[in-house]
Amino acid sequence: MVQKPDILVFLDTNVIFSALYSSHGHAATILEHYFKGNIRIIISQCVLEESIRILKEKLPNSLAAFNALLVNAPPLICKDPSNDEITRWSSVINTDDAKILASAVAIRADYLITGDTHFYNKNISEKSGLKIVTPAQFIKEYEKR
């Protein structure tokens, strides 16, 4: 019997972009761990849509790789949070990022991995119950296991 990985990570759009931009960074290493079955990745519908929009705009050559990921090894995709959930988290972070935070909280992710520095607030982490880390911090913690 194959055991499912026990770590569930929610990826922000900038981590997906970084992983597709460079195969040598920490974000790409996170995807490698996912492909090997070491972790589970989840994104929200809004992260998926934002990723497609930003990749089309800033890194169009990566769209084929992103499509291959979605077809061959799709991450879990959760529905976007309700307006009530977004409003709740808007008290600790801006509304756009409250969507991300609310999604990660709702699916009970172990980690929210993002490159957006405004997430790195002890208050946000404490209220959400999430470990909010950069890709580099996640890899460092993961490799200690």
Protein backbone atom coordinates (compact mmCIF):
# COMPACT_ATOMS: atom_id res chain seq x y z
CA MET A 1 0.00 0.00 0.00
CA VAL A 2 1.35 3.42 -0.98
CA GLN A 3 1.29 5.94 1.82
CA LYS A 4 0.13 9.46 0.98
CA PRO A 5 2.45 12.27 1.94
CA ASP A 6 1.46 13.90 5.20
CA ILE A 7 2.45 17.47 4.37
CA LEU A 8 -0.12 19.65 2.62
CA VAL A 9 1.23 22.90 1.23
CA PHE A 10 -0.75 25.75 -0.25
CA LEU A 11 1.18 27.58 -2.96
CA ASP A 12 0.76 31.24 -3.74
CA THR A 13 0.95 32.37 -7.37
CA ASN A 14 4.45 33.80 -6.99
CA VAL A 15 5.80 30.38 -5.98
CA ILE A 16 4.33 28.76 -9.08
CA PHE A 17 5.78 31.54 -11.22
CA SER A 18 9.21 31.18 -9.59
CA ALA A 19 9.22 27.42 -10.07
CA LEU A 20 8.49 27.82 -13.76
CA TYR A 21 10.90 30.73 -14.16
CA SER A 22 13.91 28.82 -12.82
CA SER A 23 14.44 25.11 -12.37
CA HIS A 24 17.25 25.80 -9.90
CA GLY A 25 15.46 27.66 -7.10
CA HIS A 26 13.69 26.61 -3.95
CA ALA A 27 10.27 26.92 -5.59
CA ALA A 28 11.32 24.38 -8.24
CA THR A 29 12.60 22.10 -5.47
CA ILE A 30 9.13 22.20 -3.90
CA LEU A 31 7.66 20.97 -7.18
CA GLU A 32 10.29 18.22 -7.33
CA HIS A 33 9.21 17.02 -3.88
CA TYR A 34 5.62 17.06 -5.11
CA PHE A 35 6.47 15.05 -8.25
CA LYS A 36 8.29 12.50 -6.07
CA GLY A 37 5.18 12.15 -3.89
CA ASN A 38 6.80 13.62 -0.79
CA ILE A 39 4.29 16.43 -0.30
CA ARG A 40 0.79 17.34 -1.45
CA ILE A 41 0.20 20.68 -3.14
CA ILE A 42 -3.05 22.57 -3.17
CA ILE A 43 -3.99 25.83 -4.84
CA SER A 44 -7.26 27.72 -5.05
CA GLN A 45 -9.20 28.49 -8.18
CA CYS A 46 -8.11 32.15 -7.93
CA VAL A 47 -4.43 31.12 -7.68
CA LEU A 48 -4.88 28.94 -10.76
CA GLU A 49 -6.50 31.78 -12.71
CA GLU A 50 -3.94 34.34 -11.55
CA SER A 51 -1.08 31.97 -12.41
CA ILE A 52 -2.38 31.53 -15.96
CA ARG A 53 -2.86 35.28 -16.40
CA ILE A 54 0.60 36.17 -15.08
CA LEU A 55 2.35 33.42 -17.01
CA LYS A 56 0.65 34.55 -20.25
CA GLU A 57 1.75 38.11 -19.54
CA LYS A 58 5.26 37.66 -18.14
CA LEU A 59 6.47 34.17 -19.00
CA PRO A 60 4.50 32.87 -21.99
CA ASN A 61 7.12 30.24 -22.86
CA SER A 62 6.29 28.46 -19.59
CA LEU A 63 2.62 27.90 -20.40
CA ALA A 64 3.31 24.51 -22.01
CA ALA A 65 5.11 23.34 -18.86
CA PHE A 66 2.29 24.64 -16.67
CA ASN A 67 -0.31 22.89 -18.83
CA ALA A 68 1.71 19.67 -18.62
CA LEU A 69 1.71 19.98 -14.83
CA LEU A 70 -2.05 20.48 -14.77
CA VAL A 71 -2.65 17.50 -17.06
CA ASN A 72 -0.04 15.01 -15.83
CA ALA A 73 0.31 15.82 -12.13
CA PRO A 74 -2.47 18.21 -11.20
CA PRO A 75 -2.34 19.76 -7.76
CA LEU A 76 -5.45 19.68 -5.63
CA ILE A 77 -7.57 22.70 -6.52
CA CYS A 78 -9.92 24.04 -3.88
CA LYS A 79 -12.82 26.35 -4.45
CA ASP A 80 -12.37 30.02 -3.71
CA PRO A 81 -13.37 31.17 -0.24
CA SER A 82 -16.73 32.78 0.44
CA ASN A 83 -17.08 36.52 0.81
CA ASP A 84 -17.59 36.01 4.55
CA GLU A 85 -14.29 34.13 4.82
CA ILE A 86 -12.49 36.83 2.84
CA THR A 87 -14.00 39.55 5.01
CA ARG A 88 -12.90 37.72 8.16
CA TRP A 89 -9.27 37.61 7.04
CA SER A 90 -9.34 41.15 5.61
CA SER A 91 -8.99 42.35 9.19
CA VAL A 92 -5.40 41.01 9.26
CA ILE A 93 -4.26 41.40 5.62
CA ASN A 94 -5.37 43.22 2.45
CA THR A 95 -8.42 41.88 0.64
CA ASP A 96 -6.58 40.33 -2.31
CA ASP A 97 -4.30 38.38 -0.01
CA ALA A 98 -7.19 37.57 2.33
CA LYS A 99 -8.48 35.32 -0.48
CA ILE A 100 -5.24 33.34 -0.36
CA LEU A 101 -5.15 33.20 3.42
CA ALA A 102 -8.81 32.18 3.68
CA SER A 103 -8.29 29.38 1.16
CA ALA A 104 -5.23 27.99 2.95
CA VAL A 105 -7.03 28.11 6.31
CA ALA A 106 -10.20 26.49 4.96
CA ILE A 107 -8.38 23.46 3.59
CA ARG A 108 -6.21 23.21 6.71
CA ALA A 109 -2.88 23.42 4.93
CA ASP A 110 0.21 22.69 6.97
CA TYR A 111 2.07 25.48 5.17
CA LEU A 112 1.24 28.55 3.16
CA ILE A 113 4.26 29.09 0.93
CA THR A 114 4.57 32.57 -0.53
CA GLY A 115 7.13 35.12 -1.59
CA ASP A 116 4.89 38.02 -0.52
CA THR A 117 6.53 39.59 2.52
CA HIS A 118 3.33 41.12 3.89
CA PHE A 119 2.24 37.60 4.87
CA TYR A 120 5.23 37.28 7.22
CA ASN A 121 3.57 38.75 10.24
CA LYS A 122 3.48 36.79 13.48
CA ASN A 123 -0.08 37.99 14.06
CA ILE A 124 -1.27 36.51 10.74
CA SER A 125 0.43 33.20 11.43
CA GLU A 126 -0.95 32.98 14.97
CA LYS A 127 -4.52 33.89 14.00
CA SER A 128 -4.58 31.56 10.99
CA GLY A 129 -2.76 28.66 12.61
CA LEU A 130 -0.65 28.33 9.46
CA LYS A 131 3.08 28.11 9.05
CA ILE A 132 3.64 30.90 6.55
CA VAL A 133 7.04 30.57 4.93
CA THR A 134 9.13 31.39 1.90
CA PRO A 135 10.10 28.58 -0.45
CA ALA A 136 13.62 28.64 1.05
CA GLN A 137 12.26 28.38 4.61
CA PHE A 138 10.02 25.49 3.63
CA ILE A 139 12.88 23.54 2.04
CA LYS A 140 15.06 24.15 5.09
CA GLU A 141 12.31 22.88 7.43
CA TYR A 142 11.43 19.98 5.15
CA GLU A 143 15.00 18.78 4.91
CA LYS A 144 15.30 18.71 8.74
CA ARG A 145 12.57 16.05 8.93
